[in-house]
Amino acid sequence: MSRRTINLALLSLGLPILVGCMPKMTIDDMKAAMPQRPGELDRLNAFTGKWVAEGTATMAGLAESLDAKGKNEAKWEGDGWYLVNRGSFSMGELGKIQAIETWTYDTYSKKYRNTWVDSMGSTGMGESRYDEKSKMWHFKATSYGPFGKSTMKGTAEFPDDATMKWTWTESNGLTKTMEMTGTSRRK
């Protein structure tokens, strides 16, 4: 007998036992067991809306800094369980970059989680926290793209409801590859 045949036989013998152990539930029981939307998600309201961004990017290997410009819109989806941010940005002669990002709150780890993809071929995942004392968001993430694995760190603060000041640093190992600072204004 092949290993696959043995595994299938064991699975077919064990499956009825496992299924038989499941408690019987109704749709109402399942609905009642669903978690409530965490209140921590409301803190992400600061990021919602349409924004226009301007900043400066300094990249390793380039003598001059690049002007960074962009626009994005962040809005709630999934009955308010996650925030979706769609945007387009440009950095000097590098051209236009389109990106989509999602944010949510992980109640188990008590952290904000985000994911993104962009038209430069990068994908990433990160986590964020809000510091109540400094009134500042702190981000950290790992991304994989055309230049390999990158680690990012950043901050965002809201001096008022219509202004976001942000920083972003990207590194490949110990080498800093990009540093950005800028301001986004709500439209």
N, C-alpha and C. Protein backbone atom coordinates (compact mmCIF):
# COMPACT_ATOMS: atom_id res chain seq x y z
N MET A 1 0.83 -1.19 0.00
CA MET A 1 0.00 0.00 0.00
C MET A 1 0.87 1.25 0.00
N SER A 2 0.41 2.24 -0.72
CA SER A 2 1.16 3.48 -0.75
C SER A 2 0.83 4.31 0.49
N ARG A 3 1.69 5.24 0.79
CA ARG A 3 1.49 6.13 1.94
C ARG A 3 0.20 6.94 1.78
N ARG A 4 -0.10 7.33 0.56
CA ARG A 4 -1.31 8.10 0.30
C ARG A 4 -2.55 7.26 0.59
N THR A 5 -2.54 6.00 0.20
CA THR A 5 -3.67 5.11 0.44
C THR A 5 -3.88 4.92 1.93
N ILE A 6 -2.80 4.75 2.67
CA ILE A 6 -2.88 4.59 4.13
C ILE A 6 -3.46 5.86 4.76
N ASN A 7 -2.98 7.03 4.34
CA ASN A 7 -3.49 8.30 4.89
C ASN A 7 -4.98 8.47 4.60
N LEU A 8 -5.42 8.13 3.39
CA LEU A 8 -6.83 8.24 3.04
C LEU A 8 -7.67 7.28 3.87
N ALA A 9 -7.17 6.07 4.11
CA ALA A 9 -7.90 5.10 4.92
C ALA A 9 -8.04 5.59 6.36
N LEU A 10 -6.96 6.12 6.93
CA LEU A 10 -7.02 6.65 8.29
C LEU A 10 -7.97 7.84 8.39
N LEU A 11 -7.93 8.70 7.40
CA LEU A 11 -8.82 9.86 7.37
C LEU A 11 -10.27 9.42 7.30
N SER A 12 -10.57 8.44 6.45
CA SER A 12 -11.95 7.98 6.31
C SER A 12 -12.44 7.30 7.58
N LEU A 13 -11.54 6.68 8.35
CA LEU A 13 -11.95 6.08 9.62
C LEU A 13 -12.14 7.13 10.71
N GLY A 14 -11.29 8.16 10.73
CA GLY A 14 -11.33 9.16 11.79
C GLY A 14 -12.34 10.26 11.57
N LEU A 15 -12.68 10.54 10.35
CA LEU A 15 -13.59 11.65 10.05
C LEU A 15 -14.96 11.50 10.70
N PRO A 16 -15.59 10.32 10.63
CA PRO A 16 -16.90 10.20 11.30
C PRO A 16 -16.82 10.46 12.80
N ILE A 17 -15.73 10.07 13.42
CA ILE A 17 -15.57 10.30 14.86
C ILE A 17 -15.48 11.79 15.14
N LEU A 18 -14.66 12.51 14.35
CA LEU A 18 -14.50 13.95 14.55
C LEU A 18 -15.80 14.70 14.28
N VAL A 19 -16.50 14.35 13.22
CA VAL A 19 -17.74 15.02 12.87
C VAL A 19 -18.80 14.73 13.92
N GLY A 20 -18.82 13.51 14.44
CA GLY A 20 -19.78 13.15 15.47
C GLY A 20 -19.58 13.91 16.77
N CYS A 21 -18.37 14.44 17.02
CA CYS A 21 -18.07 15.18 18.24
C CYS A 21 -18.49 16.64 18.17
N MET A 22 -18.80 17.11 17.01
CA MET A 22 -19.20 18.51 16.86
C MET A 22 -20.58 18.72 17.47
N PRO A 23 -20.75 19.78 18.26
CA PRO A 23 -22.08 20.03 18.82
C PRO A 23 -23.03 20.48 17.71
N LYS A 24 -24.29 20.13 17.87
CA LYS A 24 -25.31 20.57 16.92
C LYS A 24 -25.59 22.04 17.17
N MET A 25 -25.69 22.82 16.09
CA MET A 25 -25.93 24.26 16.21
C MET A 25 -26.99 24.68 15.22
N THR A 26 -27.66 25.74 15.56
CA THR A 26 -28.60 26.37 14.63
C THR A 26 -27.94 27.62 14.08
N ILE A 27 -28.56 28.22 13.09
CA ILE A 27 -28.05 29.48 12.54
C ILE A 27 -28.04 30.54 13.63
N ASP A 28 -29.07 30.58 14.46
CA ASP A 28 -29.11 31.56 15.55
C ASP A 28 -27.96 31.34 16.53
N ASP A 29 -27.62 30.07 16.82
CA ASP A 29 -26.48 29.78 17.70
C ASP A 29 -25.18 30.30 17.09
N MET A 30 -25.03 30.09 15.78
CA MET A 30 -23.82 30.56 15.09
C MET A 30 -23.75 32.09 15.11
N LYS A 31 -24.87 32.75 14.86
CA LYS A 31 -24.89 34.22 14.88
C LYS A 31 -24.54 34.75 16.26
N ALA A 32 -25.06 34.09 17.31
CA ALA A 32 -24.80 34.53 18.68
C ALA A 32 -23.33 34.34 19.06
N ALA A 33 -22.66 33.37 18.43
CA ALA A 33 -21.25 33.11 18.74
C ALA A 33 -20.29 34.05 18.01
N MET A 34 -20.79 34.78 17.03
CA MET A 34 -19.93 35.68 16.27
C MET A 34 -19.49 36.85 17.16
N PRO A 35 -18.24 37.26 17.04
CA PRO A 35 -17.76 38.36 17.90
C PRO A 35 -18.37 39.71 17.50
N GLN A 36 -18.38 40.61 18.44
CA GLN A 36 -18.81 41.98 18.19
C GLN A 36 -17.65 42.75 17.56
N ARG A 37 -17.97 43.75 16.79
CA ARG A 37 -16.95 44.60 16.18
C ARG A 37 -16.18 45.30 17.31
N PRO A 38 -14.83 45.17 17.32
CA PRO A 38 -14.07 45.80 18.40
C PRO A 38 -14.08 47.33 18.29
N GLY A 39 -14.26 47.99 19.42
CA GLY A 39 -14.29 49.45 19.46
C GLY A 39 -12.98 50.08 19.02
N GLU A 40 -11.88 49.33 19.13
CA GLU A 40 -10.57 49.85 18.72
C GLU A 40 -10.54 50.22 17.24
N LEU A 41 -11.40 49.60 16.44
CA LEU A 41 -11.44 49.93 15.02
C LEU A 41 -11.82 51.40 14.79
N ASP A 42 -12.59 51.97 15.71
CA ASP A 42 -13.02 53.37 15.53
C ASP A 42 -11.84 54.34 15.50
N ARG A 43 -10.72 53.97 16.12
CA ARG A 43 -9.55 54.85 16.09
C ARG A 43 -9.05 55.04 14.66
N LEU A 44 -9.31 54.07 13.79
CA LEU A 44 -8.89 54.18 12.38
C LEU A 44 -9.71 55.21 11.61
N ASN A 45 -10.78 55.74 12.19
CA ASN A 45 -11.56 56.79 11.53
C ASN A 45 -10.69 57.99 11.17
N ALA A 46 -9.61 58.20 11.90
CA ALA A 46 -8.70 59.31 11.60
C ALA A 46 -8.14 59.21 10.18
N PHE A 47 -8.02 57.99 9.64
CA PHE A 47 -7.44 57.79 8.31
C PHE A 47 -8.48 57.83 7.18
N THR A 48 -9.76 57.81 7.51
CA THR A 48 -10.78 57.73 6.47
C THR A 48 -10.89 59.02 5.67
N GLY A 49 -11.42 58.90 4.47
CA GLY A 49 -11.64 60.06 3.62
C GLY A 49 -10.70 60.13 2.44
N LYS A 50 -10.80 61.23 1.73
CA LYS A 50 -9.93 61.49 0.57
C LYS A 50 -8.81 62.41 1.02
N TRP A 51 -7.59 62.06 0.60
CA TRP A 51 -6.40 62.79 1.02
C TRP A 51 -5.54 63.15 -0.18
N VAL A 52 -4.81 64.26 -0.07
CA VAL A 52 -3.79 64.65 -1.04
C VAL A 52 -2.49 64.76 -0.26
N ALA A 53 -1.44 64.12 -0.76
CA ALA A 53 -0.17 64.06 -0.04
C ALA A 53 0.95 64.73 -0.82
N GLU A 54 1.86 65.36 -0.08
CA GLU A 54 3.10 65.91 -0.64
C GLU A 54 4.22 65.61 0.33
N GLY A 55 5.37 65.25 -0.22
CA GLY A 55 6.50 64.96 0.64
C GLY A 55 7.79 64.89 -0.13
N THR A 56 8.81 64.41 0.55
CA THR A 56 10.14 64.28 -0.03
C THR A 56 10.65 62.87 0.25
N ALA A 57 11.26 62.26 -0.75
CA ALA A 57 11.85 60.93 -0.61
C ALA A 57 13.34 61.01 -0.90
N THR A 58 14.12 60.45 0.00
CA THR A 58 15.56 60.33 -0.19
C THR A 58 15.86 58.85 -0.35
N MET A 59 16.51 58.48 -1.45
CA MET A 59 16.77 57.07 -1.74
C MET A 59 18.27 56.82 -1.82
N ALA A 60 18.67 55.67 -1.29
CA ALA A 60 20.08 55.29 -1.34
C ALA A 60 20.53 55.21 -2.80
N GLY A 61 21.69 55.77 -3.08
CA GLY A 61 22.24 55.71 -4.42
C GLY A 61 21.87 56.90 -5.29
N LEU A 62 20.88 57.69 -4.89
CA LEU A 62 20.51 58.87 -5.66
C LEU A 62 21.05 60.11 -4.96
N ALA A 63 21.68 60.99 -5.72
CA ALA A 63 22.26 62.19 -5.15
C ALA A 63 21.20 63.21 -4.74
N GLU A 64 20.11 63.27 -5.50
CA GLU A 64 19.07 64.26 -5.20
C GLU A 64 17.86 63.58 -4.58
N SER A 65 17.12 64.37 -3.80
CA SER A 65 15.88 63.84 -3.24
C SER A 65 14.76 64.00 -4.27
N LEU A 66 13.70 63.22 -4.11
CA LEU A 66 12.59 63.22 -5.05
C LEU A 66 11.35 63.82 -4.39
N ASP A 67 10.59 64.57 -5.18
CA ASP A 67 9.30 65.05 -4.69
C ASP A 67 8.31 63.89 -4.76
N ALA A 68 7.58 63.68 -3.67
CA ALA A 68 6.57 62.63 -3.61
C ALA A 68 5.21 63.29 -3.55
N LYS A 69 4.30 62.85 -4.42
CA LYS A 69 2.95 63.40 -4.46
C LYS A 69 1.98 62.25 -4.64
N GLY A 70 0.77 62.45 -4.13
CA GLY A 70 -0.21 61.40 -4.32
C GLY A 70 -1.57 61.77 -3.80
N LYS A 71 -2.48 60.85 -4.03
CA LYS A 71 -3.83 61.01 -3.50
C LYS A 71 -4.33 59.61 -3.16
N ASN A 72 -5.19 59.56 -2.16
CA ASN A 72 -5.75 58.28 -1.76
C ASN A 72 -7.12 58.48 -1.14
N GLU A 73 -7.86 57.39 -1.07
CA GLU A 73 -9.15 57.40 -0.39
C GLU A 73 -9.24 56.15 0.48
N ALA A 74 -9.53 56.36 1.75
CA ALA A 74 -9.68 55.26 2.70
C ALA A 74 -11.13 55.23 3.18
N LYS A 75 -11.75 54.05 3.07
CA LYS A 75 -13.13 53.93 3.53
C LYS A 75 -13.38 52.54 4.11
N TRP A 76 -14.38 52.49 4.98
CA TRP A 76 -14.75 51.25 5.65
C TRP A 76 -15.45 50.31 4.67
N GLU A 77 -15.12 49.02 4.77
CA GLU A 77 -15.80 47.98 4.02
C GLU A 77 -16.04 46.81 4.97
N GLY A 78 -16.73 45.78 4.48
CA GLY A 78 -16.98 44.60 5.31
C GLY A 78 -17.74 44.92 6.58
N ASP A 79 -18.81 45.71 6.46
CA ASP A 79 -19.61 46.12 7.62
C ASP A 79 -18.78 46.80 8.70
N GLY A 80 -17.74 47.52 8.28
CA GLY A 80 -16.92 48.27 9.23
C GLY A 80 -15.87 47.46 9.95
N TRP A 81 -15.56 46.27 9.46
CA TRP A 81 -14.55 45.43 10.08
C TRP A 81 -13.15 45.70 9.53
N TYR A 82 -13.04 46.30 8.36
CA TYR A 82 -11.71 46.62 7.82
C TYR A 82 -11.79 47.89 6.98
N LEU A 83 -10.67 48.60 6.99
CA LEU A 83 -10.53 49.84 6.25
C LEU A 83 -9.75 49.54 4.99
N VAL A 84 -10.23 50.02 3.85
CA VAL A 84 -9.55 49.81 2.57
C VAL A 84 -9.07 51.17 2.07
N ASN A 85 -7.79 51.25 1.75
CA ASN A 85 -7.16 52.48 1.30
C ASN A 85 -6.62 52.26 -0.11
N ARG A 86 -7.16 53.00 -1.07
CA ARG A 86 -6.69 52.91 -2.46
C ARG A 86 -6.04 54.23 -2.83
N GLY A 87 -4.87 54.14 -3.46
CA GLY A 87 -4.20 55.38 -3.80
C GLY A 87 -3.29 55.27 -4.99
N SER A 88 -2.85 56.44 -5.46
CA SER A 88 -1.84 56.51 -6.52
C SER A 88 -0.84 57.60 -6.12
N PHE A 89 0.43 57.31 -6.35
CA PHE A 89 1.51 58.18 -5.91
C PHE A 89 2.57 58.26 -6.98
N SER A 90 3.37 59.30 -6.91
CA SER A 90 4.52 59.40 -7.81
C SER A 90 5.68 59.97 -7.03
N MET A 91 6.88 59.55 -7.42
CA MET A 91 8.11 60.06 -6.83
C MET A 91 9.02 60.47 -7.98
N GLY A 92 8.99 61.76 -8.30
CA GLY A 92 9.84 62.27 -9.37
C GLY A 92 9.64 61.51 -10.66
N GLU A 93 10.74 61.15 -11.29
CA GLU A 93 10.68 60.48 -12.59
C GLU A 93 10.44 58.98 -12.50
N LEU A 94 10.22 58.46 -11.30
CA LEU A 94 9.92 57.03 -11.17
C LEU A 94 8.54 56.68 -11.72
N GLY A 95 7.71 57.67 -11.89
CA GLY A 95 6.39 57.43 -12.46
C GLY A 95 5.33 57.17 -11.41
N LYS A 96 4.15 56.81 -11.91
CA LYS A 96 2.99 56.62 -11.04
C LYS A 96 2.98 55.21 -10.45
N ILE A 97 2.62 55.13 -9.19
CA ILE A 97 2.51 53.86 -8.47
C ILE A 97 1.09 53.78 -7.92
N GLN A 98 0.42 52.68 -8.16
CA GLN A 98 -0.90 52.47 -7.59
C GLN A 98 -0.78 51.43 -6.48
N ALA A 99 -1.59 51.61 -5.42
CA ALA A 99 -1.51 50.70 -4.28
C ALA A 99 -2.88 50.52 -3.65
N ILE A 100 -3.04 49.40 -2.98
CA ILE A 100 -4.23 49.14 -2.16
C ILE A 100 -3.76 48.55 -0.84
N GLU A 101 -4.39 48.99 0.22
CA GLU A 101 -3.99 48.61 1.57
C GLU A 101 -5.24 48.30 2.38
N THR A 102 -5.16 47.34 3.29
CA THR A 102 -6.25 47.06 4.20
C THR A 102 -5.76 47.18 5.64
N TRP A 103 -6.64 47.63 6.52
CA TRP A 103 -6.35 47.76 7.95
C TRP A 103 -7.46 47.08 8.74
N THR A 104 -7.11 46.46 9.84
CA THR A 104 -8.09 45.92 10.77
C THR A 104 -7.47 45.88 12.16
N TYR A 105 -8.24 45.39 13.13
CA TYR A 105 -7.74 45.27 14.49
C TYR A 105 -7.79 43.79 14.88
N ASP A 106 -6.67 43.28 15.34
CA ASP A 106 -6.54 41.89 15.78
C ASP A 106 -6.80 41.86 17.28
N THR A 107 -7.98 41.39 17.69
CA THR A 107 -8.34 41.41 19.12
C THR A 107 -7.48 40.45 19.93
N TYR A 108 -6.98 39.39 19.32
CA TYR A 108 -6.16 38.42 20.05
C TYR A 108 -4.81 39.03 20.45
N SER A 109 -4.14 39.69 19.49
CA SER A 109 -2.82 40.27 19.78
C SER A 109 -2.91 41.71 20.25
N LYS A 110 -4.11 42.31 20.14
CA LYS A 110 -4.33 43.72 20.50
C LYS A 110 -3.44 44.66 19.68
N LYS A 111 -3.37 44.35 18.37
CA LYS A 111 -2.59 45.16 17.45
C LYS A 111 -3.42 45.45 16.20
N TYR A 112 -3.11 46.56 15.57
CA TYR A 112 -3.69 46.87 14.27
C TYR A 112 -2.85 46.16 13.22
N ARG A 113 -3.48 45.50 12.29
CA ARG A 113 -2.77 44.77 11.23
C ARG A 113 -3.09 45.41 9.89
N ASN A 114 -2.10 45.42 9.00
CA ASN A 114 -2.36 45.91 7.65
C ASN A 114 -1.61 45.09 6.62
N THR A 115 -2.17 45.08 5.41
CA THR A 115 -1.55 44.41 4.26
C THR A 115 -1.63 45.36 3.08
N TRP A 116 -0.75 45.21 2.10
CA TRP A 116 -0.84 46.03 0.90
C TRP A 116 -0.14 45.36 -0.27
N VAL A 117 -0.51 45.83 -1.45
CA VAL A 117 0.14 45.47 -2.70
C VAL A 117 0.24 46.74 -3.52
N ASP A 118 1.23 46.80 -4.41
CA ASP A 118 1.35 47.98 -5.27
C ASP A 118 1.79 47.58 -6.66
N SER A 119 1.73 48.54 -7.57
CA SER A 119 2.04 48.28 -8.98
C SER A 119 3.54 48.21 -9.26
N MET A 120 4.37 48.33 -8.23
CA MET A 120 5.81 48.11 -8.40
C MET A 120 6.17 46.65 -8.13
N GLY A 121 5.14 45.84 -7.81
CA GLY A 121 5.37 44.43 -7.54
C GLY A 121 5.64 44.12 -6.09
N SER A 122 5.37 45.04 -5.20
CA SER A 122 5.61 44.82 -3.77
C SER A 122 4.36 44.31 -3.07
N THR A 123 4.56 43.43 -2.11
CA THR A 123 3.50 42.99 -1.22
C THR A 123 4.04 43.10 0.20
N GLY A 124 3.18 43.42 1.13
CA GLY A 124 3.67 43.57 2.49
C GLY A 124 2.61 43.35 3.54
N MET A 125 3.11 43.14 4.75
CA MET A 125 2.26 42.99 5.93
C MET A 125 2.91 43.73 7.08
N GLY A 126 2.06 44.34 7.91
CA GLY A 126 2.61 45.09 9.02
C GLY A 126 1.66 45.17 10.19
N GLU A 127 2.14 45.83 11.21
CA GLU A 127 1.32 46.08 12.39
C GLU A 127 1.56 47.50 12.86
N SER A 128 0.58 48.02 13.55
CA SER A 128 0.64 49.40 14.01
C SER A 128 0.11 49.48 15.43
N ARG A 129 0.49 50.56 16.09
CA ARG A 129 -0.05 50.82 17.42
C ARG A 129 -0.20 52.33 17.57
N TYR A 130 -1.12 52.70 18.42
CA TYR A 130 -1.35 54.11 18.69
C TYR A 130 -0.84 54.40 20.09
N ASP A 131 0.01 55.42 20.22
CA ASP A 131 0.56 55.84 21.51
C ASP A 131 -0.29 56.99 22.02
N GLU A 132 -1.06 56.73 23.05
CA GLU A 132 -1.97 57.73 23.60
C GLU A 132 -1.23 58.94 24.15
N LYS A 133 -0.04 58.72 24.75
CA LYS A 133 0.73 59.84 25.33
C LYS A 133 1.19 60.83 24.27
N SER A 134 1.80 60.32 23.21
CA SER A 134 2.34 61.20 22.17
C SER A 134 1.31 61.53 21.10
N LYS A 135 0.16 60.86 21.14
CA LYS A 135 -0.89 61.04 20.13
C LYS A 135 -0.36 60.71 18.73
N MET A 136 0.45 59.66 18.66
CA MET A 136 1.12 59.31 17.41
C MET A 136 0.94 57.83 17.09
N TRP A 137 0.77 57.54 15.81
CA TRP A 137 0.75 56.17 15.32
C TRP A 137 2.17 55.74 15.02
N HIS A 138 2.48 54.48 15.31
CA HIS A 138 3.78 53.88 14.99
C HIS A 138 3.53 52.63 14.15
N PHE A 139 4.23 52.54 13.01
CA PHE A 139 4.06 51.44 12.07
C PHE A 139 5.36 50.66 11.94
N LYS A 140 5.23 49.35 11.70
CA LYS A 140 6.37 48.55 11.27
C LYS A 140 5.83 47.47 10.35
N ALA A 141 6.63 47.14 9.34
CA ALA A 141 6.15 46.22 8.33
C ALA A 141 7.31 45.52 7.65
N THR A 142 6.98 44.45 6.96
CA THR A 142 7.93 43.72 6.12
C THR A 142 7.32 43.64 4.73
N SER A 143 8.12 43.92 3.72
CA SER A 143 7.65 43.93 2.35
C SER A 143 8.59 43.10 1.48
N TYR A 144 8.03 42.52 0.44
CA TYR A 144 8.82 41.81 -0.56
C TYR A 144 8.53 42.44 -1.91
N GLY A 145 9.58 42.85 -2.61
CA GLY A 145 9.39 43.52 -3.88
C GLY A 145 10.54 43.30 -4.82
N PRO A 146 10.66 44.17 -5.82
CA PRO A 146 11.69 43.99 -6.85
C PRO A 146 13.12 44.01 -6.31
N PHE A 147 13.33 44.62 -5.15
CA PHE A 147 14.68 44.69 -4.59
C PHE A 147 14.87 43.75 -3.41
N GLY A 148 13.96 42.79 -3.26
CA GLY A 148 14.06 41.81 -2.19
C GLY A 148 13.23 42.19 -0.97
N LYS A 149 13.66 41.68 0.17
CA LYS A 149 12.94 41.91 1.42
C LYS A 149 13.31 43.26 2.02
N SER A 150 12.30 43.99 2.47
CA SER A 150 12.52 45.29 3.11
C SER A 150 11.79 45.34 4.44
N THR A 151 12.36 46.09 5.35
CA THR A 151 11.73 46.35 6.64
C THR A 151 11.42 47.83 6.69
N MET A 152 10.20 48.15 7.12
CA MET A 152 9.79 49.55 7.16
C MET A 152 9.35 49.94 8.55
N LYS A 153 9.58 51.22 8.86
CA LYS A 153 9.09 51.81 10.11
C LYS A 153 8.58 53.20 9.77
N GLY A 154 7.55 53.63 10.48
CA GLY A 154 7.03 54.95 10.21
C GLY A 154 6.17 55.46 11.34
N THR A 155 5.76 56.72 11.19
CA THR A 155 4.88 57.36 12.16
C THR A 155 3.84 58.19 11.43
N ALA A 156 2.77 58.49 12.12
CA ALA A 156 1.76 59.43 11.62
C ALA A 156 1.16 60.14 12.81
N GLU A 157 0.97 61.43 12.65
CA GLU A 157 0.29 62.21 13.69
C GLU A 157 -0.69 63.15 13.01
N PHE A 158 -1.73 63.50 13.76
CA PHE A 158 -2.81 64.34 13.23
C PHE A 158 -2.88 65.62 14.05
N PRO A 159 -2.21 66.70 13.60
CA PRO A 159 -2.29 67.97 14.32
C PRO A 159 -3.73 68.51 14.38
N ASP A 160 -4.52 68.17 13.35
CA ASP A 160 -5.95 68.50 13.34
C ASP A 160 -6.65 67.45 12.48
N ASP A 161 -7.97 67.51 12.40
CA ASP A 161 -8.75 66.49 11.68
C ASP A 161 -8.47 66.44 10.18
N ALA A 162 -7.90 67.51 9.63
CA ALA A 162 -7.69 67.57 8.18
C ALA A 162 -6.22 67.46 7.77
N THR A 163 -5.33 67.17 8.73
CA THR A 163 -3.90 67.13 8.44
C THR A 163 -3.26 65.90 9.06
N MET A 164 -2.44 65.20 8.27
CA MET A 164 -1.67 64.06 8.76
C MET A 164 -0.20 64.29 8.38
N LYS A 165 0.68 64.32 9.37
CA LYS A 165 2.12 64.40 9.12
C LYS A 165 2.68 63.00 9.30
N TRP A 166 3.52 62.57 8.35
CA TRP A 166 4.00 61.20 8.37
C TRP A 166 5.49 61.09 8.04
N THR A 167 6.08 60.00 8.51
CA THR A 167 7.47 59.65 8.20
C THR A 167 7.48 58.17 7.80
N TRP A 168 8.48 57.80 7.03
CA TRP A 168 8.60 56.42 6.58
C TRP A 168 10.05 56.13 6.28
N THR A 169 10.59 55.05 6.83
CA THR A 169 11.97 54.62 6.57
C THR A 169 11.94 53.17 6.12
N GLU A 170 12.69 52.88 5.07
CA GLU A 170 12.76 51.51 4.54
C GLU A 170 14.21 51.06 4.55
N SER A 171 14.43 49.80 4.95
CA SER A 171 15.79 49.25 5.03
C SER A 171 15.82 47.85 4.47
N ASN A 172 16.98 47.50 3.88
CA ASN A 172 17.29 46.13 3.47
C ASN A 172 18.43 45.69 4.38
N GLY A 173 18.10 44.93 5.41
CA GLY A 173 19.12 44.58 6.38
C GLY A 173 19.52 45.81 7.17
N LEU A 174 20.81 46.09 7.23
CA LEU A 174 21.31 47.25 7.97
C LEU A 174 21.39 48.51 7.11
N THR A 175 21.11 48.39 5.82
CA THR A 175 21.23 49.52 4.91
C THR A 175 19.90 50.23 4.73
N LYS A 176 19.87 51.53 5.03
CA LYS A 176 18.67 52.34 4.81
C LYS A 176 18.57 52.61 3.32
N THR A 177 17.44 52.22 2.72
CA THR A 177 17.28 52.38 1.28
C THR A 177 16.40 53.56 0.90
N MET A 178 15.51 53.98 1.82
CA MET A 178 14.64 55.11 1.50
C MET A 178 14.16 55.76 2.80
N GLU A 179 14.01 57.07 2.73
CA GLU A 179 13.45 57.82 3.85
C GLU A 179 12.48 58.84 3.27
N MET A 180 11.27 58.90 3.82
CA MET A 180 10.26 59.82 3.32
C MET A 180 9.65 60.60 4.49
N THR A 181 9.33 61.85 4.22
CA THR A 181 8.56 62.67 5.15
C THR A 181 7.54 63.43 4.32
N GLY A 182 6.40 63.70 4.93
CA GLY A 182 5.40 64.44 4.18
C GLY A 182 4.18 64.80 5.00
N THR A 183 3.28 65.44 4.32
CA THR A 183 2.02 65.89 4.91
C THR A 183 0.88 65.53 3.96
N SER A 184 -0.18 64.97 4.53
CA SER A 184 -1.39 64.69 3.77
C SER A 184 -2.49 65.59 4.29
N ARG A 185 -3.30 66.11 3.36
CA ARG A 185 -4.41 66.99 3.73
C ARG A 185 -5.71 66.40 3.22
N ARG A 186 -6.70 66.38 4.09
CA ARG A 186 -8.01 65.84 3.75
C ARG A 186 -8.69 66.79 2.76
N LYS A 187 -9.27 66.23 1.68
CA LYS A 187 -9.97 67.03 0.67
C LYS A 187 -11.38 67.34 1.12
